[in-house]
N, C-alpha and C. Protein backbone atom coordinates (compact mmCIF):
# COMPACT_ATOMS: atom_id res chain seq x y z
N UNK A 1 103.74 107.93 117.82
CA UNK A 1 102.95 107.33 116.76
C UNK A 1 103.12 105.82 116.83
N UNK A 2 102.00 105.10 116.83
CA UNK A 2 102.04 103.66 117.02
C UNK A 2 102.30 102.89 115.73
N UNK A 3 102.08 103.52 114.59
CA UNK A 3 102.28 102.87 113.30
C UNK A 3 103.60 103.36 112.71
N UNK A 4 104.39 102.42 112.19
CA UNK A 4 105.69 102.76 111.61
C UNK A 4 105.80 102.25 110.18
N UNK A 5 106.79 102.76 109.47
CA UNK A 5 107.05 102.33 108.10
C UNK A 5 107.34 100.83 108.09
N UNK A 6 106.72 100.12 107.15
CA UNK A 6 106.95 98.69 107.02
C UNK A 6 105.93 97.83 107.76
N UNK A 7 105.10 98.42 108.62
CA UNK A 7 104.08 97.66 109.35
C UNK A 7 102.97 97.23 108.40
N UNK A 8 102.36 96.09 108.70
CA UNK A 8 101.17 95.64 107.97
C UNK A 8 99.96 96.17 108.74
N UNK A 9 99.06 96.87 108.03
CA UNK A 9 97.91 97.49 108.69
C UNK A 9 96.62 97.12 107.97
N UNK A 10 95.51 97.28 108.67
CA UNK A 10 94.17 97.12 108.10
C UNK A 10 93.45 98.46 108.24
N UNK A 11 92.69 98.82 107.21
CA UNK A 11 91.96 100.09 107.21
C UNK A 11 90.64 99.88 107.95
N UNK A 12 90.36 100.76 108.92
CA UNK A 12 89.18 100.62 109.78
C UNK A 12 87.97 101.39 109.28
N UNK A 13 88.17 102.47 108.54
CA UNK A 13 87.03 103.27 108.08
C UNK A 13 87.35 103.92 106.75
N UNK A 14 86.28 104.36 106.08
CA UNK A 14 86.43 105.03 104.79
C UNK A 14 86.06 104.11 103.64
N UNK A 15 86.31 104.57 102.43
CA UNK A 15 85.97 103.80 101.24
C UNK A 15 86.77 102.51 101.12
N UNK A 16 87.96 102.47 101.70
CA UNK A 16 88.83 101.30 101.59
C UNK A 16 88.78 100.44 102.85
N UNK A 17 87.68 100.51 103.59
CA UNK A 17 87.55 99.76 104.84
C UNK A 17 87.74 98.26 104.59
N UNK A 18 88.58 97.64 105.44
CA UNK A 18 88.82 96.21 105.33
C UNK A 18 90.04 95.85 104.50
N UNK A 19 90.58 96.78 103.73
CA UNK A 19 91.78 96.50 102.94
C UNK A 19 93.00 96.45 103.83
N UNK A 20 93.96 95.61 103.47
CA UNK A 20 95.21 95.54 104.20
C UNK A 20 96.35 95.95 103.28
N UNK A 21 97.42 96.43 103.86
CA UNK A 21 98.58 96.83 103.08
C UNK A 21 99.73 97.22 103.97
N UNK A 22 100.89 97.36 103.36
CA UNK A 22 102.11 97.72 104.08
C UNK A 22 102.24 99.25 104.09
N UNK A 23 102.72 99.79 105.20
CA UNK A 23 102.91 101.23 105.33
C UNK A 23 104.16 101.63 104.55
N UNK A 24 103.98 102.54 103.59
CA UNK A 24 105.10 103.01 102.77
C UNK A 24 105.80 104.19 103.43
N UNK A 25 105.02 105.04 104.12
CA UNK A 25 105.59 106.22 104.77
C UNK A 25 104.70 106.62 105.94
N UNK A 26 105.32 107.07 107.02
CA UNK A 26 104.57 107.55 108.18
C UNK A 26 105.02 108.98 108.48
N UNK A 27 104.06 109.87 108.71
CA UNK A 27 104.35 111.26 109.01
C UNK A 27 103.85 111.57 110.42
N UNK A 28 104.73 111.48 111.44
CA UNK A 28 104.30 111.67 112.82
C UNK A 28 103.82 113.09 113.14
N UNK A 29 104.31 114.09 112.43
CA UNK A 29 103.89 115.47 112.70
C UNK A 29 102.43 115.68 112.32
N UNK A 30 102.00 115.06 111.22
CA UNK A 30 100.62 115.22 110.76
C UNK A 30 99.74 114.03 111.13
N UNK A 31 100.32 113.00 111.77
CA UNK A 31 99.60 111.78 112.14
C UNK A 31 98.95 111.10 110.94
N UNK A 32 99.69 111.02 109.84
CA UNK A 32 99.17 110.41 108.63
C UNK A 32 100.12 109.32 108.13
N UNK A 33 99.55 108.33 107.45
CA UNK A 33 100.34 107.23 106.90
C UNK A 33 99.96 107.01 105.44
N UNK A 34 100.91 106.48 104.68
CA UNK A 34 100.70 106.13 103.28
C UNK A 34 100.70 104.62 103.21
N UNK A 35 99.57 104.02 102.84
CA UNK A 35 99.44 102.57 102.82
C UNK A 35 99.38 102.08 101.37
N UNK A 36 100.13 101.03 101.10
CA UNK A 36 100.23 100.47 99.75
C UNK A 36 98.87 99.98 99.26
N UNK A 37 98.42 100.52 98.12
CA UNK A 37 97.18 100.09 97.49
C UNK A 37 95.91 100.65 98.11
N UNK A 38 96.03 101.61 99.01
CA UNK A 38 94.86 102.18 99.68
C UNK A 38 94.76 103.67 99.35
N UNK A 39 93.52 104.14 99.16
CA UNK A 39 93.22 105.53 98.82
C UNK A 39 94.00 105.99 97.60
N UNK A 40 93.79 105.29 96.49
CA UNK A 40 94.47 105.65 95.25
C UNK A 40 93.86 106.92 94.68
N UNK A 41 94.72 107.89 94.36
CA UNK A 41 94.29 109.15 93.78
C UNK A 41 95.02 109.35 92.46
N UNK A 42 94.40 110.11 91.58
CA UNK A 42 95.00 110.36 90.27
C UNK A 42 95.68 111.72 90.28
N UNK A 43 96.91 111.76 89.82
CA UNK A 43 97.67 112.99 89.72
C UNK A 43 97.98 113.27 88.26
N UNK A 44 97.70 114.48 87.82
CA UNK A 44 98.04 114.88 86.46
C UNK A 44 99.45 115.43 86.49
N UNK A 45 100.35 114.79 85.73
CA UNK A 45 101.75 115.21 85.75
C UNK A 45 102.14 115.79 84.40
N UNK A 46 102.99 116.79 84.46
CA UNK A 46 103.48 117.38 83.23
C UNK A 46 104.71 116.62 82.76
N UNK A 47 105.05 116.72 81.49
CA UNK A 47 106.22 116.00 80.99
C UNK A 47 107.52 116.46 81.65
N UNK A 48 108.35 115.50 82.02
CA UNK A 48 109.67 115.77 82.59
C UNK A 48 110.68 114.90 81.86
N UNK A 49 111.94 115.02 82.24
CA UNK A 49 112.96 114.17 81.61
C UNK A 49 112.76 112.71 81.99
N UNK A 50 112.33 112.46 83.23
CA UNK A 50 112.07 111.09 83.65
C UNK A 50 110.84 110.50 82.97
N UNK A 51 109.80 111.31 82.83
CA UNK A 51 108.56 110.88 82.23
C UNK A 51 108.22 111.81 81.07
N UNK A 52 108.77 111.59 79.88
CA UNK A 52 108.61 112.53 78.78
C UNK A 52 107.16 112.71 78.30
N UNK A 53 106.33 111.71 78.51
CA UNK A 53 104.95 111.82 78.05
C UNK A 53 104.06 112.56 79.04
N UNK A 54 104.38 112.49 80.33
CA UNK A 54 103.49 113.08 81.32
C UNK A 54 102.25 112.22 81.44
N UNK A 55 101.10 112.83 81.72
CA UNK A 55 99.84 112.09 81.76
C UNK A 55 99.29 111.95 83.16
N UNK A 56 98.40 110.99 83.31
CA UNK A 56 97.72 110.77 84.58
C UNK A 56 98.36 109.59 85.30
N UNK A 57 98.81 109.83 86.52
CA UNK A 57 99.47 108.80 87.32
C UNK A 57 98.61 108.50 88.55
N UNK A 58 98.41 107.22 88.84
CA UNK A 58 97.64 106.83 90.01
C UNK A 58 98.60 106.43 91.12
N UNK A 59 98.44 107.04 92.29
CA UNK A 59 99.30 106.69 93.42
C UNK A 59 98.54 106.81 94.73
N UNK A 60 99.16 106.35 95.81
CA UNK A 60 98.49 106.33 97.11
C UNK A 60 98.40 107.73 97.71
N UNK A 61 97.30 107.99 98.39
CA UNK A 61 97.13 109.20 99.17
C UNK A 61 97.24 108.85 100.65
N UNK A 62 97.51 109.84 101.46
CA UNK A 62 97.69 109.57 102.89
C UNK A 62 96.35 109.47 103.59
N UNK A 63 96.31 108.68 104.67
CA UNK A 63 95.13 108.59 105.51
C UNK A 63 95.54 108.79 106.96
N UNK A 64 94.60 109.17 107.80
CA UNK A 64 94.92 109.47 109.19
C UNK A 64 95.25 108.19 109.95
N UNK A 65 96.16 108.32 110.89
CA UNK A 65 96.64 107.19 111.68
C UNK A 65 95.50 106.50 112.44
N UNK A 66 94.48 107.25 112.85
CA UNK A 66 93.39 106.68 113.62
C UNK A 66 92.49 105.77 112.79
N UNK A 67 92.61 105.84 111.48
CA UNK A 67 91.78 105.02 110.59
C UNK A 67 92.44 103.71 110.20
N UNK A 68 93.59 103.39 110.77
CA UNK A 68 94.26 102.12 110.51
C UNK A 68 94.64 101.46 111.83
N UNK A 69 94.79 100.14 111.78
CA UNK A 69 95.23 99.38 112.96
C UNK A 69 96.29 98.39 112.52
N UNK A 70 97.23 98.12 113.39
CA UNK A 70 98.26 97.13 113.12
C UNK A 70 97.58 95.79 112.90
N UNK A 71 98.06 95.00 111.94
CA UNK A 71 97.42 93.75 111.53
C UNK A 71 98.46 92.64 111.53
N UNK A 72 98.24 91.64 112.39
CA UNK A 72 99.16 90.49 112.46
C UNK A 72 98.38 89.21 112.65
N UNK A 73 98.79 88.17 111.95
CA UNK A 73 98.19 86.83 112.10
C UNK A 73 96.68 86.85 111.93
N UNK A 74 96.18 87.66 110.98
CA UNK A 74 94.76 87.67 110.67
C UNK A 74 93.87 88.44 111.62
N UNK A 75 94.44 89.25 112.51
CA UNK A 75 93.61 90.03 113.41
C UNK A 75 94.27 91.36 113.73
N UNK A 76 93.45 92.30 114.26
CA UNK A 76 93.96 93.61 114.64
C UNK A 76 94.76 93.47 115.93
N UNK A 77 95.73 94.37 116.09
CA UNK A 77 96.57 94.37 117.29
C UNK A 77 96.47 95.75 117.93
N UNK A 78 96.16 95.77 119.23
CA UNK A 78 96.20 97.03 119.97
C UNK A 78 97.63 97.24 120.42
N UNK A 79 98.17 98.40 120.11
CA UNK A 79 99.58 98.68 120.39
C UNK A 79 99.70 99.54 121.64
N UNK A 80 100.64 99.17 122.50
CA UNK A 80 100.96 99.95 123.67
C UNK A 80 102.46 100.13 123.76
N UNK A 81 102.90 100.90 124.71
CA UNK A 81 104.33 101.14 124.88
C UNK A 81 104.76 100.74 126.28
N UNK A 82 106.00 100.30 126.39
CA UNK A 82 106.57 99.96 127.68
C UNK A 82 108.05 100.36 127.65
N UNK A 83 108.54 100.81 128.79
CA UNK A 83 109.95 101.16 128.91
C UNK A 83 110.70 99.98 129.50
N UNK A 84 111.78 99.55 128.83
CA UNK A 84 112.58 98.42 129.32
C UNK A 84 114.04 98.81 129.28
N UNK A 85 114.81 98.13 130.12
CA UNK A 85 116.26 98.38 130.14
C UNK A 85 116.88 97.77 128.89
N UNK A 86 117.69 98.56 128.22
CA UNK A 86 118.37 98.10 127.02
C UNK A 86 119.84 97.92 127.28
N UNK A 87 120.66 98.14 126.27
CA UNK A 87 122.11 98.00 126.39
C UNK A 87 122.67 99.11 127.27
N UNK A 88 123.58 98.75 128.15
CA UNK A 88 124.25 99.74 128.98
C UNK A 88 123.37 100.32 130.07
N UNK A 89 122.27 99.68 130.41
CA UNK A 89 121.41 100.17 131.48
C UNK A 89 120.48 101.29 131.08
N UNK A 90 120.48 101.69 129.80
CA UNK A 90 119.58 102.75 129.34
C UNK A 90 118.18 102.19 129.17
N UNK A 91 117.19 103.01 129.48
CA UNK A 91 115.81 102.60 129.26
C UNK A 91 115.40 103.00 127.85
N UNK A 92 114.77 102.06 127.15
CA UNK A 92 114.30 102.34 125.80
C UNK A 92 112.82 101.99 125.70
N UNK A 93 112.15 102.62 124.76
CA UNK A 93 110.71 102.47 124.58
C UNK A 93 110.44 101.38 123.55
N UNK A 94 109.59 100.41 123.89
CA UNK A 94 109.25 99.31 122.99
C UNK A 94 107.76 99.30 122.75
N UNK A 95 107.37 98.85 121.55
CA UNK A 95 105.96 98.66 121.24
C UNK A 95 105.57 97.24 121.63
N UNK A 96 104.40 97.09 122.26
CA UNK A 96 103.93 95.76 122.65
C UNK A 96 102.47 95.59 122.26
N UNK A 97 102.04 94.35 122.16
CA UNK A 97 100.63 94.01 121.98
C UNK A 97 99.99 94.12 123.36
N UNK A 98 98.98 94.97 123.50
CA UNK A 98 98.39 95.23 124.81
C UNK A 98 97.66 94.03 125.38
N UNK A 99 97.17 93.13 124.52
CA UNK A 99 96.44 91.98 125.02
C UNK A 99 97.37 90.86 125.51
N UNK A 100 98.40 90.56 124.72
CA UNK A 100 99.28 89.44 125.09
C UNK A 100 100.56 89.89 125.78
N UNK A 101 100.95 91.15 125.62
CA UNK A 101 102.18 91.65 126.22
C UNK A 101 103.43 91.34 125.42
N UNK A 102 103.26 90.71 124.25
CA UNK A 102 104.41 90.37 123.40
C UNK A 102 104.88 91.60 122.64
N UNK A 103 106.19 91.68 122.36
CA UNK A 103 106.68 92.81 121.54
C UNK A 103 106.16 92.73 120.11
N UNK A 104 105.95 93.90 119.53
CA UNK A 104 105.43 93.97 118.15
C UNK A 104 106.60 94.07 117.21
C-alpha cells in the first residue's frame, strides 16, 4: 500500500474531489484509508457512560486507496518503491517519488 498513516493526500474522485487532508488510518487488507475531513458520515449513537446523551455524531468514512494521491508541495506525487541497503547490509523497501527519485 502506497499511502500510510500521517501522509497528506488529495482526493481524486467522488463528492470530495480536490479536498486535502491527513490520513488518520490506513487499512491495507481492504485498500481503504480514513482521511481527515473527507467523506463525513452521520452515525446515530446510543447513550453510553462516555457520551450520556447519545445523539448524532459526524465522523469520517473510509475511501478507497485508488481515489487518493500523495500530496506534497502543492502537487500530486506518484509513489514508487525501491530496495536499498540499510543497516547491517539488509535490504529494506523505501517509498520514492517516481518523477524525481527522492524519498517520500
